[in-house]
Amino acid sequence: MTVDTFERARKVADAVLYEGYVLYPYRASSPKNQLRWQWGVVAPRAFAENDPSEDWVMQTEILVDPGMDARLDIRIRLLRVQERLVEQATADGGFEPVATLAVDGTLLTTWDEAVEEELNVAHVELSDLFMAEKVVPIEYPCSEAVETLTDASGAVVGRIIRRSQALTGVLRIAGEMVPATWALAKVRVRVENESEWTDWPAARDAVCRRSFAAVHTLMAVSGGRFISLADVPEFARQGAESCVNLHTWPVLIGDIGQRDVVLSSPVTLSDYPEVAPESPGDMFDACEIDEILALRVMTLTEDEKREARSTDPKAAAIVDRCDILPEEVFERLHGAVRYLRDAGPRVISDEVETGISADADMAPWSPYTDELPPATEADPAPWWTPEAEAEVDPFGDRVWVGPVSVGVGTMVILRPSRRADAHDIFLAGRQAEVQAVFKDVEGNTQVAVSVMDDDGQAYQIGHGRYLFFFPDELEPIQPIEAGS
């Protein structure tokens, strides 16, 4: 397996490896940067067994359709947490810890940095895993480095201490055959943290310094192919149901249809994720839009930018990049039109009984399809004119969902299509109430709903915050007569 096999997976893994590492406004003093290391943290076992909020193991299980000589390459990627302590020189020749220290106009900040680590296990014969589990030790020794700080006159004004704790653990790789229409193998990759822990009670920052953070597993297979757990073929369904993934989720990487590389990430992804080519660099917040974050960085004061640069080299790179962002690059951040890869609709279910019969002059409809609604004749009036706006009433307008007129108060079942994001897919099958019917600037209809049995529903409605679905992602619960 060549190094290039993992390169495409690595680009995506890098995007989530540093997810939440440092958030806008990219300053250590910002409240949102006080609680860190949220994704893929594998804490010391002795600590996690006494604190249910932490986990000491991460496990990936994935199916392989094996050939006679199938073998695996496995790469574990993670971050180690390294303390960066800034100390100021005292009059008696000693040093004392400080939050920040200015040296000749350059600001230095106390902060926990990330150190990237990789563990590679190459050319593992799949047949060998059926006979015995492969155990690989994970060991990172403690370290400490001291950097003396002097000013322009040569006087010692402080120092920086970079300190990392010793980490120990094991990587367990196993395989077994599973029941299926034909022979399938299940591969298990398990990361365990066995680092020593005796400090009680403990602040979370101290725990993270003894943890594996942002753990990702990359797997490549030759002489076989992986089976998607998100789009499981019928012949593999029983085997897929036996897969147990703990605190991570495996997805296929590469071109659509490629099945030789898997990325298992603590951040939920869909098969074949990609980094947008328009993005000039990571912002460490995939829940936000690059364009908005870039604009926010541009509005920071010089003092705020100075503090951000002092927080972390990666934060400094973001500020520097936004300061000199070329106009043509910034324009690309505004968005791109990506056409569907498939010419026709993709049907999620081969056969669906909706219990609703359409009129003869009405096209067949199913809430379970990805088919886009048919094009309609455009309104001759521009969408931004007062006349057009006066005709729009989101809280009075209705939309046809098959033969059913849907509007405020209609109860529906949410049926997210494959173009929905992961958050919407989690709501599949939930009951919701329609709150409004909107038209966006492109003329598409979007239905605002609130999810039933949600403790925060009243609060969200009171603030005008809804979830939005396309009409074909809704299944009316109680059809009403047309015109009622």
Protein backbone atom coordinates (compact mmCIF):
# COMPACT_ATOMS: atom_id res chain seq x y z
CA MET A 1 0.00 0.00 0.00
CA THR A 2 1.59 3.29 -1.06
CA VAL A 3 1.76 6.44 1.02
CA ASP A 4 -0.48 8.20 -1.51
CA THR A 5 -3.32 5.81 -0.63
CA PHE A 6 -3.86 7.67 2.62
CA GLU A 7 -3.26 11.19 1.31
CA ARG A 8 -6.86 11.91 0.37
CA ALA A 9 -8.10 10.53 3.66
CA ARG A 10 -5.51 12.59 5.48
CA LYS A 11 -6.83 15.88 4.06
CA VAL A 12 -10.26 15.13 5.49
CA ALA A 13 -8.77 13.76 8.72
CA ASP A 14 -6.76 16.96 9.19
CA ALA A 15 -9.94 19.02 8.92
CA VAL A 16 -11.53 17.15 11.83
CA LEU A 17 -8.28 16.43 13.71
CA TYR A 18 -8.17 20.09 14.75
CA GLU A 19 -11.93 20.63 15.00
CA GLY A 20 -12.48 23.01 17.92
CA TYR A 21 -8.73 23.30 18.59
CA VAL A 22 -8.94 27.08 18.82
CA LEU A 23 -12.14 28.95 17.93
CA TYR A 24 -12.90 32.48 16.82
CA PRO A 25 -11.83 35.02 18.07
CA TYR A 26 -8.79 32.72 18.34
CA ARG A 27 -7.65 34.14 21.67
CA ALA A 28 -6.74 32.15 24.78
CA SER A 29 -8.74 34.60 26.91
CA SER A 30 -11.99 33.92 25.03
CA PRO A 31 -14.49 31.88 27.12
CA LYS A 32 -15.10 29.46 24.23
CA ASN A 33 -11.39 28.56 24.28
CA GLN A 34 -11.36 27.71 27.97
CA LEU A 35 -12.89 24.23 27.62
CA ARG A 36 -10.98 22.40 24.92
CA TRP A 37 -10.29 18.93 23.49
CA GLN A 38 -13.89 17.91 22.87
CA TRP A 39 -13.49 15.32 20.11
CA GLY A 40 -12.00 11.86 20.22
CA VAL A 41 -10.49 12.09 23.70
CA VAL A 42 -9.30 8.72 25.03
CA ALA A 43 -8.57 9.31 28.71
CA PRO A 44 -6.50 7.14 31.09
CA ARG A 45 -8.42 4.00 31.95
CA ALA A 46 -8.02 4.43 35.72
CA PHE A 47 -9.57 7.89 35.48
CA ALA A 48 -12.37 7.07 33.02
CA GLU A 49 -13.54 4.06 35.05
CA ASN A 50 -14.29 6.47 37.90
CA ASP A 51 -15.68 9.27 35.74
CA PRO A 52 -18.47 8.23 33.31
CA SER A 53 -18.10 11.49 31.38
CA GLU A 54 -14.79 10.28 29.93
CA ASP A 55 -13.88 7.20 27.86
CA TRP A 56 -10.67 5.14 27.90
CA VAL A 57 -11.24 3.24 24.67
CA MET A 58 -12.10 3.99 21.05
CA GLN A 59 -13.19 1.13 18.81
CA THR A 60 -13.82 0.85 15.08
CA GLU A 61 -15.48 -2.17 13.49
CA ILE A 62 -15.96 -2.37 9.73
CA LEU A 63 -16.84 -5.14 7.27
CA VAL A 64 -14.46 -6.32 4.56
CA ASP A 65 -15.37 -8.33 1.49
CA PRO A 66 -12.07 -10.23 1.47
CA GLY A 67 -10.04 -11.79 -1.27
CA MET A 68 -7.67 -14.71 -0.83
CA ASP A 69 -4.69 -12.50 0.05
CA ALA A 70 -6.37 -9.47 1.63
CA ARG A 71 -4.17 -7.34 3.85
CA LEU A 72 -4.52 -4.10 5.78
CA ASP A 73 -2.53 -0.96 6.41
CA ILE A 74 -3.59 0.92 9.53
CA ARG A 75 -2.67 4.39 10.68
CA ILE A 76 -3.68 5.99 13.99
CA ARG A 77 -3.51 9.77 14.11
CA LEU A 78 -3.93 11.77 17.30
CA LEU A 79 -2.92 14.89 19.18
CA ARG A 80 -0.88 15.00 22.35
CA VAL A 81 -1.52 17.92 24.66
CA GLN A 82 1.63 19.85 25.50
CA GLU A 83 1.76 22.55 28.15
CA ARG A 84 3.34 25.84 27.13
CA LEU A 85 4.07 27.77 30.31
CA VAL A 86 5.19 31.39 30.13
CA GLU A 87 7.21 32.59 33.12
CA GLN A 88 8.49 36.07 33.93
CA ALA A 89 11.94 36.70 35.43
CA THR A 90 11.90 38.00 38.99
CA ALA A 91 14.30 40.39 40.71
CA ASP A 92 15.89 37.58 42.74
CA GLY A 93 16.89 35.65 39.61
CA GLY A 94 13.96 33.26 39.68
CA PHE A 95 10.84 32.92 37.54
CA GLU A 96 7.10 33.11 38.18
CA PRO A 97 4.20 31.90 36.01
CA VAL A 98 2.22 34.55 34.11
CA ALA A 99 -0.72 34.41 31.70
CA THR A 100 1.03 36.68 29.18
CA LEU A 101 4.41 38.33 28.76
CA ALA A 102 5.42 41.04 26.30
CA VAL A 103 8.98 40.91 25.00
CA ASP A 104 10.00 43.82 22.79
CA GLY A 105 6.41 44.24 21.60
CA THR A 106 5.81 40.53 20.97
CA LEU A 107 3.14 38.98 23.20
CA LEU A 108 3.62 35.45 24.56
CA THR A 109 0.72 33.51 26.13
CA THR A 110 0.44 30.47 28.38
CA TRP A 111 -1.49 27.83 26.43
CA ASP A 112 -1.77 24.09 25.83
CA GLU A 113 -0.46 23.24 22.38
CA ALA A 114 -1.10 20.22 20.17
CA VAL A 115 1.59 17.84 19.00
CA GLU A 116 0.62 15.54 16.13
CA GLU A 117 1.45 11.85 16.48
CA GLU A 118 1.05 8.91 14.09
CA LEU A 119 1.28 5.17 14.60
CA ASN A 120 1.58 3.06 11.45
CA VAL A 121 0.98 -0.67 11.21
CA ALA A 122 1.66 -1.89 7.67
CA HIS A 123 0.90 -5.05 5.73
CA VAL A 124 -1.26 -6.92 8.23
CA GLU A 125 -2.49 -10.16 6.67
CA LEU A 126 -6.24 -10.43 7.22
CA SER A 127 -6.03 -14.20 7.57
CA ASP A 128 -3.56 -13.80 10.47
CA LEU A 129 -6.12 -11.71 12.38
CA PHE A 130 -8.58 -14.63 12.33
CA MET A 131 -6.15 -16.70 14.37
CA ALA A 132 -4.83 -14.15 16.89
CA GLU A 133 -5.31 -10.54 17.87
CA LYS A 134 -2.42 -8.26 16.95
CA VAL A 135 -1.35 -6.02 19.85
CA VAL A 136 0.83 -2.97 19.19
CA PRO A 137 2.13 -0.89 22.13
CA ILE A 138 1.62 2.88 22.12
CA GLU A 139 4.31 4.74 24.04
CA TYR A 140 5.17 8.43 24.18
CA PRO A 141 7.79 9.45 26.77
CA CYS A 142 7.55 12.57 28.91
CA SER A 143 9.57 15.57 27.77
CA GLU A 144 10.47 19.08 28.86
CA ALA A 145 12.16 21.88 26.94
CA VAL A 146 13.09 25.31 28.27
CA GLU A 147 13.49 28.38 26.07
CA THR A 148 15.08 31.46 27.67
CA LEU A 149 13.63 34.82 26.65
CA THR A 150 15.84 37.89 26.33
CA ASP A 151 14.99 41.43 25.29
CA ALA A 152 16.81 43.61 22.76
CA SER A 153 19.47 44.52 25.35
CA GLY A 154 20.23 40.88 26.04
CA ALA A 155 18.68 40.84 29.51
CA VAL A 156 16.79 37.69 30.55
CA VAL A 157 13.12 38.64 30.91
CA GLY A 158 11.48 35.25 31.12
CA ARG A 159 11.28 31.76 29.77
CA ILE A 160 8.93 29.31 28.06
CA ILE A 161 8.61 25.75 29.35
CA ARG A 162 7.11 23.16 27.05
CA ARG A 163 6.17 20.01 28.95
CA SER A 164 4.41 16.82 27.88
CA GLN A 165 3.36 13.88 30.04
CA ALA A 166 4.19 10.24 29.39
CA LEU A 167 1.42 8.34 27.57
CA THR A 168 1.07 4.59 27.27
CA GLY A 169 -1.58 2.46 25.64
CA VAL A 170 -2.23 -0.36 23.22
CA LEU A 171 -3.60 -0.76 19.74
CA ARG A 172 -5.54 -3.99 19.29
CA ILE A 173 -6.32 -5.30 15.79
CA ALA A 174 -8.54 -8.34 15.34
CA GLY A 175 -10.62 -10.03 12.67
CA GLU A 176 -13.38 -12.61 12.43
CA MET A 177 -15.75 -14.03 9.84
CA VAL A 178 -19.38 -12.99 10.17
CA PRO A 179 -22.66 -14.54 8.96
CA ALA A 180 -23.69 -13.25 5.54
CA THR A 181 -24.96 -14.39 2.17
CA TRP A 182 -21.32 -14.93 1.30
CA ALA A 183 -18.13 -14.77 3.33
CA LEU A 184 -17.48 -11.40 4.96
CA ALA A 185 -14.87 -10.44 7.50
CA LYS A 186 -15.20 -7.98 10.36
CA VAL A 187 -12.10 -6.00 11.32
CA ARG A 188 -11.78 -4.43 14.76
CA VAL A 189 -9.29 -1.66 15.57
CA ARG A 190 -9.26 -0.67 19.22
CA VAL A 191 -7.24 2.13 20.89
CA GLU A 192 -6.88 1.91 24.68
CA ASN A 193 -5.22 4.38 27.04
CA GLU A 194 -3.32 2.62 29.84
CA SER A 195 -1.46 5.74 31.07
CA GLU A 196 -0.83 5.85 34.79
CA TRP A 197 -3.31 7.90 36.81
CA THR A 198 -3.23 8.50 40.56
CA ASP A 199 -4.20 12.17 40.90
CA TRP A 200 -7.57 12.75 42.60
CA PRO A 201 -9.43 15.02 42.26
CA ALA A 202 -8.33 16.34 38.89
CA ALA A 203 -9.09 19.27 36.60
CA ARG A 204 -10.00 18.29 33.06
CA ASP A 205 -6.95 20.12 31.64
CA ALA A 206 -4.73 17.78 33.68
CA VAL A 207 -6.67 14.75 32.42
CA CYS A 208 -6.33 15.84 28.79
CA ARG A 209 -2.55 16.07 29.16
CA ARG A 210 -2.57 12.34 29.90
CA SER A 211 -5.07 11.56 27.13
CA PHE A 212 -4.95 10.71 23.44
CA ALA A 213 -6.90 13.59 21.84
CA ALA A 214 -8.72 13.74 18.50
CA VAL A 215 -7.99 10.07 17.76
CA HIS A 216 -8.61 9.00 14.14
CA THR A 217 -8.18 5.63 12.50
CA LEU A 218 -7.24 5.25 8.84
CA MET A 219 -7.48 1.86 7.16
CA ALA A 220 -6.60 0.72 3.66
CA VAL A 221 -7.24 -2.74 2.25
CA SER A 222 -5.63 -4.47 -0.72
CA GLY A 223 -7.06 -7.67 -2.14
CA GLY A 224 -10.51 -6.82 -0.79
CA ARG A 225 -13.00 -4.01 -0.31
CA PHE A 226 -14.73 -2.35 2.61
CA ILE A 227 -18.52 -2.43 3.05
CA SER A 228 -20.19 0.88 3.88
CA LEU A 229 -22.02 0.92 7.20
CA ALA A 230 -24.06 3.91 6.06
CA ASP A 231 -25.40 2.29 2.88
CA VAL A 232 -25.37 -1.41 3.71
CA PRO A 233 -26.20 -3.87 0.90
CA GLU A 234 -28.76 -6.48 1.85
CA PHE A 235 -26.29 -9.36 1.73
CA ALA A 236 -24.18 -7.65 4.45
CA ARG A 237 -26.96 -6.40 6.71
CA GLN A 238 -26.60 -9.08 9.38
CA GLY A 239 -22.86 -8.57 9.58
CA ALA A 240 -23.23 -4.78 9.70
CA GLU A 241 -25.65 -5.03 12.62
CA SER A 242 -22.97 -6.88 14.58
CA CYS A 243 -20.43 -4.05 14.19
CA VAL A 244 -19.84 -2.08 17.38
CA ASN A 245 -18.25 1.35 16.97
CA LEU A 246 -17.38 3.14 20.19
CA HIS A 247 -17.03 6.94 20.06
CA THR A 248 -16.11 6.92 16.37
CA TRP A 249 -17.70 6.20 12.98
CA PRO A 250 -16.07 4.74 9.83
CA VAL A 251 -16.77 6.16 6.35
CA LEU A 252 -15.44 5.43 2.88
CA ILE A 253 -12.89 7.86 1.45
CA GLY A 254 -12.00 8.69 -2.15
CA ASP A 255 -13.97 8.85 -5.38
CA ILE A 256 -17.56 7.65 -5.19
CA GLY A 257 -17.51 3.89 -5.60
CA GLN A 258 -13.98 3.52 -4.22
CA ARG A 259 -13.90 1.04 -1.33
CA ASP A 260 -10.28 0.52 -0.38
CA VAL A 261 -9.83 3.32 2.19
CA VAL A 262 -11.76 4.09 5.38
CA LEU A 263 -11.52 7.00 7.81
CA SER A 264 -12.97 6.42 11.27
CA SER A 265 -13.53 9.74 12.98
CA PRO A 266 -15.08 10.97 16.26
CA VAL A 267 -16.84 13.62 14.16
CA THR A 268 -19.80 12.11 12.28
CA LEU A 269 -19.23 12.18 8.52
CA SER A 270 -20.96 10.66 5.51
CA ASP A 271 -19.27 8.40 2.99
CA TYR A 272 -16.85 10.15 0.63
CA PRO A 273 -16.45 13.46 2.50
CA GLU A 274 -14.32 16.11 0.82
CA VAL A 275 -12.66 19.37 1.77
CA ALA A 276 -14.12 22.17 -0.37
CA PRO A 277 -11.51 23.30 -2.92
CA GLU A 278 -12.55 26.91 -2.32
CA SER A 279 -11.35 26.80 1.31
CA PRO A 280 -7.87 28.41 1.53
CA GLY A 281 -7.14 26.90 4.96
CA ASP A 282 -8.60 25.48 8.15
CA MET A 283 -10.64 27.67 10.50
CA PHE A 284 -11.02 24.85 13.10
CA ASP A 285 -14.81 25.25 13.13
CA ALA A 286 -16.59 23.13 10.52
CA CYS A 287 -19.95 24.25 11.95
CA GLU A 288 -19.25 27.77 10.73
CA ILE A 289 -18.86 29.23 7.23
CA ASP A 290 -15.34 30.18 6.10
CA GLU A 291 -16.54 33.44 4.56
CA ILE A 292 -18.21 34.57 7.80
CA LEU A 293 -15.20 33.62 9.91
CA ALA A 294 -12.83 35.42 7.54
CA LEU A 295 -14.96 38.56 7.73
CA ARG A 296 -14.99 38.37 11.52
CA VAL A 297 -11.22 38.02 11.67
CA MET A 298 -10.90 41.10 9.46
CA THR A 299 -12.91 43.11 12.01
CA LEU A 300 -10.61 42.26 14.93
CA THR A 301 -8.68 45.18 16.39
CA GLU A 302 -4.90 45.18 16.20
CA ASP A 303 -4.70 44.36 19.93
CA GLU A 304 -7.08 41.42 19.45
CA LYS A 305 -5.04 40.15 16.49
CA ARG A 306 -1.88 40.51 18.57
CA GLU A 307 -3.36 38.33 21.31
CA ALA A 308 -4.60 35.76 18.77
CA ARG A 309 -1.15 35.52 17.23
CA SER A 310 0.34 34.99 20.68
CA THR A 311 -2.14 32.21 21.52
CA ASP A 312 -1.02 29.60 19.00
CA PRO A 313 0.95 29.44 15.72
CA LYS A 314 -2.13 28.02 14.01
CA ALA A 315 -4.24 30.95 15.23
CA ALA A 316 -1.53 33.32 14.01
CA ALA A 317 -1.66 31.65 10.58
CA ILE A 318 -5.42 32.29 10.36
CA VAL A 319 -5.03 35.98 11.23
CA ASP A 320 -2.15 36.41 8.79
CA ARG A 321 -4.05 34.60 6.02
CA CYS A 322 -7.16 36.77 6.45
CA ASP A 323 -5.06 39.94 6.53
CA ILE A 324 -3.72 39.28 3.03
CA LEU A 325 -6.58 37.23 1.55
CA PRO A 326 -6.66 37.99 -2.20
CA GLU A 327 -9.95 39.30 -3.52
CA GLU A 328 -10.40 36.41 -5.94
CA VAL A 329 -9.91 33.88 -3.12
CA PHE A 330 -12.38 35.70 -0.89
CA GLU A 331 -14.95 35.73 -3.72
CA ARG A 332 -14.68 31.94 -3.99
CA LEU A 333 -15.66 31.67 -0.32
CA HIS A 334 -19.05 33.17 -1.17
CA GLY A 335 -20.19 29.83 -2.52
CA ALA A 336 -20.18 27.43 -5.44
CA VAL A 337 -22.82 25.60 -7.43
CA ARG A 338 -22.27 21.86 -7.45
CA TYR A 339 -24.50 19.81 -9.73
CA LEU A 340 -25.81 16.40 -8.79
CA ARG A 341 -23.42 13.64 -9.80
CA ASP A 342 -26.33 11.44 -10.89
CA ALA A 343 -28.60 12.37 -13.76
CA GLY A 344 -31.68 10.84 -12.18
CA PRO A 345 -33.31 10.71 -8.78
CA ARG A 346 -31.93 8.42 -6.09
CA VAL A 347 -34.56 6.32 -4.37
CA ILE A 348 -33.92 5.50 -0.73
CA SER A 349 -36.48 2.73 -0.63
CA ASP A 350 -37.29 0.46 -3.55
CA GLU A 351 -40.95 0.28 -2.64
CA VAL A 352 -42.85 2.49 -0.21
CA GLU A 353 -46.49 2.26 0.77
CA THR A 354 -47.54 5.77 1.79
CA GLY A 355 -51.23 5.04 2.21
CA ILE A 356 -52.02 8.22 0.21
CA SER A 357 -53.38 7.98 -3.31
CA ALA A 358 -52.69 10.83 -5.72
CA ASP A 359 -55.22 12.26 -8.15
CA ALA A 360 -54.94 11.21 -11.77
CA ASP A 361 -53.53 14.60 -12.84
CA MET A 362 -51.00 14.68 -10.00
CA ALA A 363 -47.50 13.21 -10.31
CA PRO A 364 -46.72 10.20 -8.08
CA TRP A 365 -45.07 11.29 -4.85
CA SER A 366 -43.08 9.60 -2.13
CA PRO A 367 -41.56 11.34 0.88
CA TYR A 368 -38.68 8.87 0.75
CA THR A 369 -37.09 9.96 -2.52
CA ASP A 370 -34.32 12.41 -3.32
CA GLU A 371 -36.04 13.65 -6.46
CA LEU A 372 -36.07 17.41 -6.71
CA PRO A 373 -39.49 19.05 -7.10
CA PRO A 374 -40.46 19.80 -10.72
CA ALA A 375 -39.53 23.20 -12.05
CA THR A 376 -42.29 25.80 -12.16
CA GLU A 377 -42.67 28.93 -14.19
CA ALA A 378 -40.75 31.77 -12.53
CA ASP A 379 -42.65 34.66 -11.02
CA PRO A 380 -42.20 37.60 -13.43
CA ALA A 381 -41.82 39.98 -10.47
CA PRO A 382 -38.31 40.12 -8.93
CA TRP A 383 -38.26 38.56 -5.47
CA TRP A 384 -37.03 41.73 -3.79
CA THR A 385 -39.82 44.09 -4.88
CA PRO A 386 -42.37 45.27 -2.29
CA GLU A 387 -45.14 43.89 -4.51
CA ALA A 388 -43.64 40.39 -4.44
CA GLU A 389 -42.93 40.60 -0.74
CA ALA A 390 -46.54 41.57 -0.01
CA GLU A 391 -47.69 38.32 -1.60
CA VAL A 392 -45.59 36.22 0.79
CA ASP A 393 -46.98 35.18 4.17
CA PRO A 394 -44.89 32.36 5.73
CA PHE A 395 -47.43 31.89 8.51
CA GLY A 396 -50.40 31.73 6.15
CA ASP A 397 -48.93 30.17 3.02
CA ARG A 398 -49.27 26.46 2.32
CA VAL A 399 -47.45 23.98 0.12
CA TRP A 400 -48.61 20.78 -1.54
CA VAL A 401 -46.89 17.65 -0.28
CA GLY A 402 -48.27 15.11 -2.72
CA PRO A 403 -52.06 15.47 -2.46
CA VAL A 404 -51.89 17.14 0.97
CA SER A 405 -51.91 20.89 1.63
CA VAL A 406 -49.38 21.57 4.40
CA GLY A 407 -49.19 24.75 6.48
CA VAL A 408 -48.97 26.03 10.03
CA GLY A 409 -50.17 23.39 12.48
CA THR A 410 -49.86 20.39 10.14
CA MET A 411 -48.36 17.40 11.90
CA VAL A 412 -45.72 15.55 9.89
CA ILE A 413 -43.14 12.77 10.15
CA LEU A 414 -39.61 13.86 9.20
CA ARG A 415 -38.10 11.80 6.37
CA PRO A 416 -34.71 13.43 5.60
CA SER A 417 -33.37 12.60 2.16
CA ARG A 418 -29.80 11.72 1.29
CA ARG A 419 -29.01 15.36 0.55
CA ALA A 420 -29.72 16.21 4.21
CA ASP A 421 -26.89 16.74 6.67
CA ALA A 422 -26.12 14.41 9.58
CA HIS A 423 -28.05 16.50 12.09
CA ASP A 424 -31.25 16.19 10.05
CA ILE A 425 -30.73 12.47 9.50
CA PHE A 426 -30.68 11.96 13.27
CA LEU A 427 -34.28 13.23 13.29
CA ALA A 428 -35.56 10.65 10.80
CA GLY A 429 -38.92 9.29 11.92
CA ARG A 430 -39.53 12.03 14.50
CA GLN A 431 -42.88 13.79 14.67
CA ALA A 432 -42.92 17.55 14.07
CA GLU A 433 -45.34 20.44 13.72
CA VAL A 434 -45.18 22.87 10.80
CA GLN A 435 -44.56 26.45 11.97
CA ALA A 436 -44.20 28.29 8.65
CA VAL A 437 -43.68 27.89 4.90
CA PHE A 438 -40.88 29.96 3.40
CA LYS A 439 -39.57 30.73 -0.06
CA ASP A 440 -35.81 31.29 -0.36
CA VAL A 441 -34.21 33.73 -2.82
CA GLU A 442 -33.78 30.93 -5.37
CA GLY A 443 -37.51 30.21 -5.35
CA ASN A 444 -37.28 26.94 -3.42
CA THR A 445 -39.89 26.16 -0.79
CA GLN A 446 -38.63 25.29 2.67
CA VAL A 447 -40.88 24.21 5.51
CA ALA A 448 -40.05 25.37 9.04
CA VAL A 449 -40.89 22.80 11.71
CA SER A 450 -40.48 22.25 15.43
CA VAL A 451 -39.78 18.74 16.71
CA MET A 452 -42.29 17.29 19.15
CA ASP A 453 -41.18 15.82 22.50
CA ASP A 454 -38.33 18.34 22.64
CA ASP A 455 -37.94 20.09 25.98
CA GLY A 456 -36.56 23.18 24.24
CA GLN A 457 -39.34 23.46 21.66
CA ALA A 458 -41.23 26.34 23.32
CA TYR A 459 -38.00 28.27 23.82
CA GLN A 460 -36.99 27.80 20.17
CA ILE A 461 -40.41 28.84 18.86
CA GLY A 462 -40.38 31.91 21.10
CA HIS A 463 -37.14 33.03 19.48
CA GLY A 464 -38.28 32.18 15.95
CA ARG A 465 -35.77 29.36 15.57
CA TYR A 466 -36.95 26.39 13.53
CA LEU A 467 -35.61 23.40 11.64
CA PHE A 468 -36.03 23.52 7.86
CA PHE A 469 -36.91 20.69 5.50
CA PHE A 470 -37.89 20.45 1.84
CA PRO A 471 -41.52 19.47 1.23
CA ASP A 472 -40.51 16.05 -0.14
CA GLU A 473 -38.82 15.31 3.21
CA LEU A 474 -42.15 15.48 5.06
CA GLU A 475 -44.85 12.85 5.46
CA PRO A 476 -48.18 14.33 6.62
CA ILE A 477 -49.67 12.39 9.53
CA GLN A 478 -53.30 13.42 9.07
CA PRO A 479 -54.01 14.36 5.46
CA ILE A 480 -56.52 17.19 5.08
CA GLU A 481 -58.87 17.84 2.22
CA ALA A 482 -57.71 20.17 -0.52
CA GLY A 483 -58.97 23.72 0.00
CA SER A 484 -59.70 23.22 3.70
